[in-house]
Amino acid sequence: TVNLRIIKGLLKHYQIEADTAVSGQEALERVGETDYDLIFMDHMMPEMDGVETTKRIRSMNSISAQKVNIIAVSANALRGIRDKFIEQGFQDYLSKPIEVPVLENMLKNYLPANKIVEGVEVKTETNPDADFEIPGIDIYSGLMKCGNDVDEYLQILQIVVEFGEE
């Protein structure tokens, strides 16, 4: 869920309200209910992985599902991994941790032209209004990845702390 929240925060920076699914089965249900322009599909998910989920989306009886752009999201950085994902039905591959310029290029390349507004200045505050410091952590970089939403960033930090205690 941390990865979902991070990518959702990054997309919010581009004024995109993203739907999320925590499993392959939930992703299938959402695609069955809604026509999407672009899907970022995590390679590793519970119940079924991103590759199987993508295959099932492609086999749905819907032109929209068969044609939707699906980007694999993975921490796997092996040489040739992008080509492997493309062979498995994805349009492209986005590595974790997500780099904002790479994400932005993917949005420009894979969203329909009528959904992209050029020249609109998106909030890119480099030092958001944070009244706290955490020794050893670059909070400004973390906040940027959360769309400069301090509450969202604090919630993600809480999840990380709880996960680390398990």
N, C-alpha and C. Protein backbone atom coordinates (compact mmCIF):
# COMPACT_ATOMS: atom_id res chain seq x y z
N THR A 1 0.81 -1.21 0.00
CA THR A 1 0.00 0.00 0.00
C THR A 1 0.86 1.27 0.00
N VAL A 2 2.09 1.17 0.48
CA VAL A 2 2.97 2.35 0.46
C VAL A 2 3.23 2.75 -0.98
N ASN A 3 3.54 1.76 -1.85
CA ASN A 3 3.80 2.07 -3.25
C ASN A 3 2.58 2.69 -3.92
N LEU A 4 1.39 2.18 -3.61
CA LEU A 4 0.16 2.76 -4.17
C LEU A 4 0.02 4.21 -3.75
N ARG A 5 0.27 4.48 -2.50
CA ARG A 5 0.12 5.85 -2.01
C ARG A 5 1.15 6.79 -2.62
N ILE A 6 2.36 6.29 -2.83
CA ILE A 6 3.40 7.13 -3.43
C ILE A 6 3.04 7.46 -4.87
N ILE A 7 2.66 6.46 -5.66
CA ILE A 7 2.34 6.76 -7.06
C ILE A 7 1.08 7.61 -7.16
N LYS A 8 0.12 7.38 -6.27
CA LYS A 8 -1.08 8.21 -6.28
C LYS A 8 -0.73 9.66 -5.94
N GLY A 9 0.20 9.86 -5.00
CA GLY A 9 0.66 11.21 -4.65
C GLY A 9 1.39 11.87 -5.81
N LEU A 10 2.22 11.08 -6.52
CA LEU A 10 2.92 11.63 -7.68
C LEU A 10 1.94 12.03 -8.77
N LEU A 11 0.93 11.22 -9.00
CA LEU A 11 -0.06 11.53 -10.03
C LEU A 11 -0.91 12.73 -9.64
N LYS A 12 -1.15 12.87 -8.35
CA LYS A 12 -1.92 14.03 -7.86
C LYS A 12 -1.19 15.33 -8.21
N HIS A 13 0.13 15.26 -8.22
CA HIS A 13 0.96 16.41 -8.60
C HIS A 13 0.61 16.88 -10.01
N TYR A 14 0.18 15.94 -10.86
CA TYR A 14 -0.21 16.26 -12.24
C TYR A 14 -1.73 16.42 -12.39
N GLN A 15 -2.39 16.62 -11.27
CA GLN A 15 -3.84 16.82 -11.22
C GLN A 15 -4.59 15.61 -11.75
N ILE A 16 -4.07 14.41 -11.46
CA ILE A 16 -4.70 13.16 -11.86
C ILE A 16 -5.22 12.48 -10.60
N GLU A 17 -6.51 12.25 -10.55
CA GLU A 17 -7.11 11.47 -9.46
C GLU A 17 -7.12 10.02 -9.90
N ALA A 18 -6.28 9.21 -9.31
CA ALA A 18 -6.12 7.83 -9.74
C ALA A 18 -6.97 6.88 -8.90
N ASP A 19 -7.53 5.88 -9.57
CA ASP A 19 -8.14 4.75 -8.87
C ASP A 19 -7.00 3.81 -8.49
N THR A 20 -7.17 3.06 -7.42
CA THR A 20 -6.16 2.09 -7.03
C THR A 20 -6.81 0.74 -6.76
N ALA A 21 -6.01 -0.30 -6.90
CA ALA A 21 -6.44 -1.66 -6.56
C ALA A 21 -5.28 -2.31 -5.83
N VAL A 22 -5.58 -3.07 -4.79
CA VAL A 22 -4.51 -3.67 -3.99
C VAL A 22 -4.17 -5.09 -4.43
N SER A 23 -4.94 -5.63 -5.37
CA SER A 23 -4.68 -6.99 -5.84
C SER A 23 -5.01 -7.09 -7.32
N GLY A 24 -4.53 -8.17 -7.93
CA GLY A 24 -4.85 -8.42 -9.33
C GLY A 24 -6.34 -8.59 -9.54
N GLN A 25 -7.00 -9.31 -8.64
CA GLN A 25 -8.44 -9.53 -8.77
C GLN A 25 -9.20 -8.20 -8.69
N GLU A 26 -8.81 -7.35 -7.77
CA GLU A 26 -9.47 -6.04 -7.65
C GLU A 26 -9.22 -5.20 -8.92
N ALA A 27 -8.02 -5.30 -9.49
CA ALA A 27 -7.73 -4.59 -10.73
C ALA A 27 -8.65 -5.06 -11.85
N LEU A 28 -8.85 -6.36 -11.96
CA LEU A 28 -9.75 -6.91 -12.98
C LEU A 28 -11.17 -6.38 -12.80
N GLU A 29 -11.62 -6.34 -11.55
CA GLU A 29 -12.97 -5.83 -11.28
C GLU A 29 -13.09 -4.37 -11.71
N ARG A 30 -12.10 -3.57 -11.38
CA ARG A 30 -12.14 -2.14 -11.74
C ARG A 30 -12.13 -1.94 -13.26
N VAL A 31 -11.28 -2.70 -13.96
CA VAL A 31 -11.21 -2.58 -15.41
C VAL A 31 -12.53 -3.03 -16.04
N GLY A 32 -13.20 -3.99 -15.40
CA GLY A 32 -14.51 -4.43 -15.89
C GLY A 32 -15.59 -3.38 -15.73
N GLU A 33 -15.40 -2.45 -14.80
CA GLU A 33 -16.40 -1.42 -14.51
C GLU A 33 -16.10 -0.08 -15.17
N THR A 34 -14.84 0.19 -15.48
CA THR A 34 -14.41 1.53 -15.93
C THR A 34 -13.47 1.42 -17.12
N ASP A 35 -13.62 2.35 -18.06
CA ASP A 35 -12.66 2.45 -19.17
C ASP A 35 -11.53 3.36 -18.72
N TYR A 36 -10.32 2.83 -18.69
CA TYR A 36 -9.15 3.60 -18.26
C TYR A 36 -8.31 4.01 -19.47
N ASP A 37 -7.61 5.14 -19.32
CA ASP A 37 -6.68 5.61 -20.35
C ASP A 37 -5.31 4.98 -20.16
N LEU A 38 -4.96 4.72 -18.90
CA LEU A 38 -3.62 4.26 -18.58
C LEU A 38 -3.67 3.50 -17.25
N ILE A 39 -2.94 2.39 -17.20
CA ILE A 39 -2.87 1.60 -15.97
C ILE A 39 -1.40 1.40 -15.62
N PHE A 40 -1.04 1.72 -14.38
CA PHE A 40 0.26 1.37 -13.85
C PHE A 40 0.06 0.09 -13.05
N MET A 41 0.67 -1.00 -13.50
CA MET A 41 0.45 -2.33 -12.92
C MET A 41 1.69 -2.80 -12.19
N ASP A 42 1.57 -2.95 -10.88
CA ASP A 42 2.70 -3.46 -10.10
C ASP A 42 2.96 -4.90 -10.53
N HIS A 43 4.22 -5.22 -10.71
CA HIS A 43 4.60 -6.57 -11.12
C HIS A 43 4.27 -7.59 -10.04
N MET A 44 4.48 -7.25 -8.78
CA MET A 44 4.24 -8.16 -7.66
C MET A 44 3.01 -7.72 -6.89
N MET A 45 1.96 -8.54 -6.95
CA MET A 45 0.72 -8.24 -6.21
C MET A 45 0.21 -9.52 -5.58
N PRO A 46 -0.61 -9.38 -4.53
CA PRO A 46 -1.21 -10.58 -3.95
C PRO A 46 -2.23 -11.20 -4.90
N GLU A 47 -2.51 -12.47 -4.71
CA GLU A 47 -3.50 -13.25 -5.46
C GLU A 47 -3.01 -13.62 -6.85
N MET A 48 -2.68 -12.62 -7.67
CA MET A 48 -2.10 -12.89 -8.99
C MET A 48 -1.16 -11.74 -9.32
N ASP A 49 -0.08 -12.06 -9.99
CA ASP A 49 0.91 -11.02 -10.29
C ASP A 49 0.45 -10.12 -11.44
N GLY A 50 1.22 -9.09 -11.69
CA GLY A 50 0.86 -8.12 -12.72
C GLY A 50 0.83 -8.70 -14.12
N VAL A 51 1.69 -9.68 -14.39
CA VAL A 51 1.73 -10.30 -15.72
C VAL A 51 0.42 -11.05 -15.98
N GLU A 52 0.01 -11.87 -15.02
CA GLU A 52 -1.25 -12.62 -15.16
C GLU A 52 -2.45 -11.68 -15.23
N THR A 53 -2.44 -10.65 -14.39
CA THR A 53 -3.54 -9.68 -14.40
C THR A 53 -3.63 -9.00 -15.76
N THR A 54 -2.48 -8.62 -16.32
CA THR A 54 -2.47 -7.97 -17.64
C THR A 54 -3.00 -8.92 -18.71
N LYS A 55 -2.59 -10.19 -18.67
CA LYS A 55 -3.10 -11.18 -19.64
C LYS A 55 -4.62 -11.29 -19.55
N ARG A 56 -5.13 -11.29 -18.34
CA ARG A 56 -6.59 -11.40 -18.16
C ARG A 56 -7.31 -10.13 -18.63
N ILE A 57 -6.70 -8.98 -18.40
CA ILE A 57 -7.30 -7.73 -18.90
C ILE A 57 -7.35 -7.78 -20.42
N ARG A 58 -6.28 -8.22 -21.05
CA ARG A 58 -6.21 -8.28 -22.51
C ARG A 58 -7.21 -9.27 -23.09
N SER A 59 -7.62 -10.27 -22.30
CA SER A 59 -8.57 -11.26 -22.81
C SER A 59 -10.03 -10.90 -22.51
N MET A 60 -10.26 -9.77 -21.84
CA MET A 60 -11.63 -9.35 -21.55
C MET A 60 -12.39 -9.02 -22.84
N ASN A 61 -13.69 -9.18 -22.78
CA ASN A 61 -14.53 -8.90 -23.94
C ASN A 61 -14.87 -7.41 -23.99
N SER A 62 -13.82 -6.60 -24.13
CA SER A 62 -13.99 -5.15 -24.15
C SER A 62 -12.84 -4.55 -24.95
N ILE A 63 -13.17 -3.76 -25.96
CA ILE A 63 -12.15 -3.11 -26.77
C ILE A 63 -11.27 -2.24 -25.88
N SER A 64 -11.89 -1.53 -24.93
CA SER A 64 -11.15 -0.65 -24.03
C SER A 64 -10.10 -1.43 -23.24
N ALA A 65 -10.48 -2.58 -22.68
CA ALA A 65 -9.55 -3.39 -21.89
C ALA A 65 -8.43 -3.95 -22.77
N GLN A 66 -8.76 -4.31 -23.98
CA GLN A 66 -7.77 -4.89 -24.88
C GLN A 66 -6.76 -3.84 -25.36
N LYS A 67 -7.18 -2.57 -25.42
CA LYS A 67 -6.33 -1.51 -25.98
C LYS A 67 -5.68 -0.61 -24.93
N VAL A 68 -6.12 -0.66 -23.67
CA VAL A 68 -5.61 0.25 -22.65
C VAL A 68 -4.09 0.12 -22.52
N ASN A 69 -3.42 1.24 -22.35
CA ASN A 69 -1.98 1.23 -22.12
C ASN A 69 -1.72 0.77 -20.68
N ILE A 70 -0.91 -0.28 -20.55
CA ILE A 70 -0.57 -0.80 -19.23
C ILE A 70 0.95 -0.74 -19.08
N ILE A 71 1.37 -0.06 -18.03
CA ILE A 71 2.80 0.12 -17.72
C ILE A 71 3.15 -0.78 -16.54
N ALA A 72 4.13 -1.65 -16.72
CA ALA A 72 4.61 -2.49 -15.63
C ALA A 72 5.42 -1.63 -14.66
N VAL A 73 5.17 -1.81 -13.37
CA VAL A 73 5.94 -1.10 -12.34
C VAL A 73 6.65 -2.17 -11.51
N SER A 74 7.97 -2.07 -11.45
CA SER A 74 8.74 -3.11 -10.78
C SER A 74 10.06 -2.56 -10.27
N ALA A 75 10.54 -3.17 -9.20
CA ALA A 75 11.88 -2.85 -8.69
C ALA A 75 12.94 -3.65 -9.43
N ASN A 76 12.51 -4.58 -10.27
CA ASN A 76 13.42 -5.42 -11.04
C ASN A 76 14.14 -4.55 -12.08
N ALA A 77 15.45 -4.48 -11.98
CA ALA A 77 16.22 -3.63 -12.89
C ALA A 77 17.19 -4.43 -13.75
N LEU A 78 16.88 -5.69 -13.98
CA LEU A 78 17.75 -6.52 -14.80
C LEU A 78 17.82 -6.03 -16.23
N ARG A 79 18.93 -6.22 -16.86
CA ARG A 79 19.09 -5.84 -18.27
C ARG A 79 18.04 -6.60 -19.10
N GLY A 80 17.37 -5.88 -19.98
CA GLY A 80 16.38 -6.49 -20.85
C GLY A 80 15.00 -6.65 -20.25
N ILE A 81 14.80 -6.18 -19.02
CA ILE A 81 13.51 -6.38 -18.35
C ILE A 81 12.38 -5.64 -19.07
N ARG A 82 12.68 -4.46 -19.62
CA ARG A 82 11.66 -3.70 -20.34
C ARG A 82 11.13 -4.53 -21.51
N ASP A 83 12.04 -5.11 -22.29
CA ASP A 83 11.63 -5.92 -23.44
C ASP A 83 10.80 -7.12 -22.99
N LYS A 84 11.18 -7.71 -21.87
CA LYS A 84 10.44 -8.87 -21.35
C LYS A 84 9.01 -8.46 -20.99
N PHE A 85 8.86 -7.30 -20.33
CA PHE A 85 7.52 -6.83 -19.98
C PHE A 85 6.70 -6.53 -21.23
N ILE A 86 7.32 -5.94 -22.24
CA ILE A 86 6.60 -5.64 -23.48
C ILE A 86 6.13 -6.94 -24.16
N GLU A 87 6.98 -7.97 -24.14
CA GLU A 87 6.59 -9.27 -24.69
C GLU A 87 5.39 -9.86 -23.95
N GLN A 88 5.22 -9.48 -22.68
CA GLN A 88 4.14 -10.03 -21.86
C GLN A 88 2.87 -9.18 -21.92
N GLY A 89 2.80 -8.20 -22.82
CA GLY A 89 1.57 -7.45 -23.03
C GLY A 89 1.55 -6.04 -22.48
N PHE A 90 2.63 -5.61 -21.85
CA PHE A 90 2.71 -4.24 -21.33
C PHE A 90 3.20 -3.32 -22.45
N GLN A 91 2.88 -2.02 -22.34
CA GLN A 91 3.40 -1.05 -23.30
C GLN A 91 4.78 -0.56 -22.91
N ASP A 92 5.07 -0.54 -21.60
CA ASP A 92 6.33 0.01 -21.15
C ASP A 92 6.59 -0.47 -19.72
N TYR A 93 7.69 0.01 -19.16
CA TYR A 93 8.13 -0.40 -17.83
C TYR A 93 8.60 0.82 -17.06
N LEU A 94 8.17 0.94 -15.81
CA LEU A 94 8.56 2.02 -14.92
C LEU A 94 9.24 1.39 -13.70
N SER A 95 10.50 1.77 -13.47
CA SER A 95 11.23 1.16 -12.36
C SER A 95 10.98 1.89 -11.05
N LYS A 96 11.04 1.12 -9.97
CA LYS A 96 10.95 1.69 -8.63
C LYS A 96 12.37 1.79 -8.08
N PRO A 97 12.70 2.83 -7.34
CA PRO A 97 11.83 3.95 -7.01
C PRO A 97 11.54 4.80 -8.24
N ILE A 98 10.34 5.33 -8.28
CA ILE A 98 9.87 6.07 -9.44
C ILE A 98 10.56 7.42 -9.53
N GLU A 99 11.09 7.70 -10.70
CA GLU A 99 11.72 9.00 -10.96
C GLU A 99 10.69 9.89 -11.64
N VAL A 100 10.47 11.08 -11.08
CA VAL A 100 9.43 11.99 -11.58
C VAL A 100 9.57 12.30 -13.07
N PRO A 101 10.76 12.63 -13.60
CA PRO A 101 10.85 12.92 -15.04
C PRO A 101 10.44 11.73 -15.92
N VAL A 102 10.76 10.52 -15.49
CA VAL A 102 10.39 9.32 -16.25
C VAL A 102 8.87 9.15 -16.22
N LEU A 103 8.27 9.33 -15.05
CA LEU A 103 6.81 9.25 -14.92
C LEU A 103 6.15 10.29 -15.82
N GLU A 104 6.66 11.50 -15.79
CA GLU A 104 6.08 12.58 -16.60
C GLU A 104 6.13 12.25 -18.09
N ASN A 105 7.26 11.70 -18.54
CA ASN A 105 7.37 11.30 -19.95
C ASN A 105 6.36 10.22 -20.30
N MET A 106 6.15 9.28 -19.39
CA MET A 106 5.18 8.22 -19.65
C MET A 106 3.76 8.79 -19.74
N LEU A 107 3.45 9.73 -18.86
CA LEU A 107 2.13 10.35 -18.93
C LEU A 107 1.94 11.04 -20.29
N LYS A 108 2.96 11.75 -20.73
CA LYS A 108 2.89 12.44 -22.03
C LYS A 108 2.78 11.45 -23.19
N ASN A 109 3.49 10.34 -23.10
CA ASN A 109 3.50 9.35 -24.18
C ASN A 109 2.24 8.50 -24.25
N TYR A 110 1.63 8.20 -23.10
CA TYR A 110 0.57 7.20 -23.09
C TYR A 110 -0.83 7.71 -22.78
N LEU A 111 -0.95 8.94 -22.30
CA LEU A 111 -2.29 9.49 -22.11
C LEU A 111 -2.78 10.07 -23.43
N PRO A 112 -4.09 10.02 -23.69
CA PRO A 112 -4.61 10.64 -24.91
C PRO A 112 -4.28 12.14 -24.94
N ALA A 113 -3.97 12.64 -26.13
CA ALA A 113 -3.56 14.04 -26.30
C ALA A 113 -4.59 15.01 -25.74
N ASN A 114 -5.88 14.68 -25.84
CA ASN A 114 -6.92 15.59 -25.35
C ASN A 114 -6.98 15.66 -23.82
N LYS A 115 -6.23 14.82 -23.14
CA LYS A 115 -6.21 14.85 -21.67
C LYS A 115 -4.97 15.54 -21.12
N ILE A 116 -4.10 15.98 -22.03
CA ILE A 116 -2.86 16.63 -21.60
C ILE A 116 -2.96 18.12 -21.90
N VAL A 117 -2.73 18.92 -20.87
CA VAL A 117 -2.76 20.37 -21.03
C VAL A 117 -1.34 20.86 -20.86
N GLU A 118 -0.75 21.31 -21.95
CA GLU A 118 0.63 21.83 -21.91
C GLU A 118 0.63 23.26 -21.39
N GLY A 119 1.70 23.64 -20.74
CA GLY A 119 1.87 25.03 -20.33
C GLY A 119 1.17 25.40 -19.04
N VAL A 120 0.41 24.46 -18.45
CA VAL A 120 -0.22 24.74 -17.17
C VAL A 120 0.81 24.47 -16.09
N GLU A 121 1.04 25.47 -15.27
CA GLU A 121 2.06 25.32 -14.24
C GLU A 121 1.49 24.49 -13.09
N VAL A 122 2.13 23.37 -12.86
CA VAL A 122 1.75 22.49 -11.77
C VAL A 122 2.55 22.90 -10.55
N LYS A 123 1.95 22.80 -9.40
CA LYS A 123 2.62 23.17 -8.16
C LYS A 123 3.90 22.34 -8.00
N THR A 124 5.04 23.00 -8.05
CA THR A 124 6.32 22.31 -7.95
C THR A 124 7.18 22.90 -6.83
N GLU A 125 6.54 23.21 -5.77
CA GLU A 125 7.21 23.80 -4.62
C GLU A 125 8.36 22.89 -4.16
N THR A 126 9.57 23.41 -4.12
CA THR A 126 10.71 22.57 -3.75
C THR A 126 10.87 22.46 -2.24
N ASN A 127 10.42 23.43 -1.50
CA ASN A 127 10.47 23.37 -0.05
C ASN A 127 9.08 23.57 0.52
N PRO A 128 8.27 22.51 0.53
CA PRO A 128 6.91 22.65 1.03
C PRO A 128 6.92 23.07 2.50
N ASP A 129 5.80 23.55 2.93
CA ASP A 129 5.65 24.07 4.28
C ASP A 129 5.59 22.93 5.29
N ALA A 130 6.75 22.47 5.72
CA ALA A 130 6.82 21.40 6.71
C ALA A 130 7.47 21.98 7.96
N ASP A 131 6.80 21.82 9.08
CA ASP A 131 7.33 22.38 10.31
C ASP A 131 7.99 21.30 11.18
N PHE A 132 8.64 20.34 10.52
CA PHE A 132 9.32 19.28 11.27
C PHE A 132 10.56 18.84 10.49
N GLU A 133 11.45 18.19 11.20
CA GLU A 133 12.65 17.61 10.61
C GLU A 133 12.80 16.20 11.13
N ILE A 134 13.40 15.33 10.31
CA ILE A 134 13.70 13.97 10.74
C ILE A 134 15.17 13.75 10.42
N PRO A 135 16.02 13.65 11.46
CA PRO A 135 17.46 13.48 11.21
C PRO A 135 17.74 12.29 10.30
N GLY A 136 18.54 12.54 9.26
CA GLY A 136 18.93 11.48 8.34
C GLY A 136 17.94 11.22 7.21
N ILE A 137 16.82 11.95 7.18
CA ILE A 137 15.82 11.75 6.13
C ILE A 137 15.58 13.06 5.40
N ASP A 138 15.63 12.99 4.09
CA ASP A 138 15.36 14.15 3.24
C ASP A 138 13.84 14.28 3.10
N ILE A 139 13.22 15.00 4.04
CA ILE A 139 11.75 15.08 4.04
C ILE A 139 11.23 15.82 2.81
N TYR A 140 11.99 16.74 2.26
CA TYR A 140 11.52 17.49 1.10
C TYR A 140 11.39 16.61 -0.13
N SER A 141 12.33 15.70 -0.31
CA SER A 141 12.24 14.75 -1.42
C SER A 141 11.02 13.84 -1.24
N GLY A 142 10.84 13.37 -0.01
CA GLY A 142 9.67 12.52 0.28
C GLY A 142 8.37 13.26 0.07
N LEU A 143 8.32 14.50 0.49
CA LEU A 143 7.10 15.31 0.29
C LEU A 143 6.81 15.53 -1.18
N MET A 144 7.84 15.76 -1.98
CA MET A 144 7.62 15.93 -3.42
C MET A 144 6.98 14.69 -4.02
N LYS A 145 7.39 13.50 -3.54
CA LYS A 145 6.83 12.25 -4.05
C LYS A 145 5.41 12.02 -3.55
N CYS A 146 4.96 12.84 -2.63
CA CYS A 146 3.59 12.75 -2.13
C CYS A 146 2.77 13.96 -2.57
N GLY A 147 3.21 14.60 -3.62
CA GLY A 147 2.48 15.77 -4.11
C GLY A 147 2.51 16.92 -3.12
N ASN A 148 3.54 17.00 -2.28
CA ASN A 148 3.70 18.03 -1.25
C ASN A 148 2.56 18.03 -0.23
N ASP A 149 1.94 16.86 -0.04
CA ASP A 149 0.86 16.71 0.92
C ASP A 149 1.46 16.19 2.23
N VAL A 150 1.62 17.09 3.20
CA VAL A 150 2.27 16.75 4.47
C VAL A 150 1.54 15.62 5.19
N ASP A 151 0.20 15.68 5.24
CA ASP A 151 -0.57 14.63 5.91
C ASP A 151 -0.34 13.27 5.26
N GLU A 152 -0.35 13.23 3.93
CA GLU A 152 -0.11 11.98 3.20
C GLU A 152 1.29 11.45 3.51
N TYR A 153 2.27 12.34 3.51
CA TYR A 153 3.65 11.94 3.79
C TYR A 153 3.77 11.35 5.20
N LEU A 154 3.16 12.00 6.17
CA LEU A 154 3.21 11.50 7.55
C LEU A 154 2.53 10.13 7.67
N GLN A 155 1.44 9.93 6.94
CA GLN A 155 0.77 8.63 6.96
C GLN A 155 1.66 7.54 6.37
N ILE A 156 2.36 7.87 5.29
CA ILE A 156 3.28 6.90 4.67
C ILE A 156 4.44 6.59 5.62
N LEU A 157 4.97 7.61 6.26
CA LEU A 157 6.04 7.38 7.24
C LEU A 157 5.56 6.46 8.36
N GLN A 158 4.32 6.65 8.81
CA GLN A 158 3.76 5.80 9.86
C GLN A 158 3.68 4.34 9.40
N ILE A 159 3.26 4.13 8.15
CA ILE A 159 3.19 2.77 7.61
C ILE A 159 4.58 2.15 7.56
N VAL A 160 5.57 2.93 7.13
CA VAL A 160 6.94 2.44 7.06
C VAL A 160 7.45 2.06 8.44
N VAL A 161 7.16 2.87 9.44
CA VAL A 161 7.59 2.59 10.81
C VAL A 161 6.92 1.31 11.31
N GLU A 162 5.62 1.16 11.08
CA GLU A 162 4.89 -0.03 11.52
C GLU A 162 5.40 -1.28 10.80
N PHE A 163 5.65 -1.15 9.50
CA PHE A 163 6.16 -2.28 8.71
C PHE A 163 7.53 -2.71 9.23
N GLY A 164 8.37 -1.74 9.58
CA GLY A 164 9.71 -2.03 10.08
C GLY A 164 9.71 -2.72 11.42
N GLU A 165 8.62 -2.57 12.18
CA GLU A 165 8.54 -3.18 13.50
C GLU A 165 8.08 -4.63 13.43
N GLU A 166 7.51 -5.05 12.29
CA GLU A 166 7.01 -6.43 12.17
C GLU A 166 8.12 -7.42 12.06
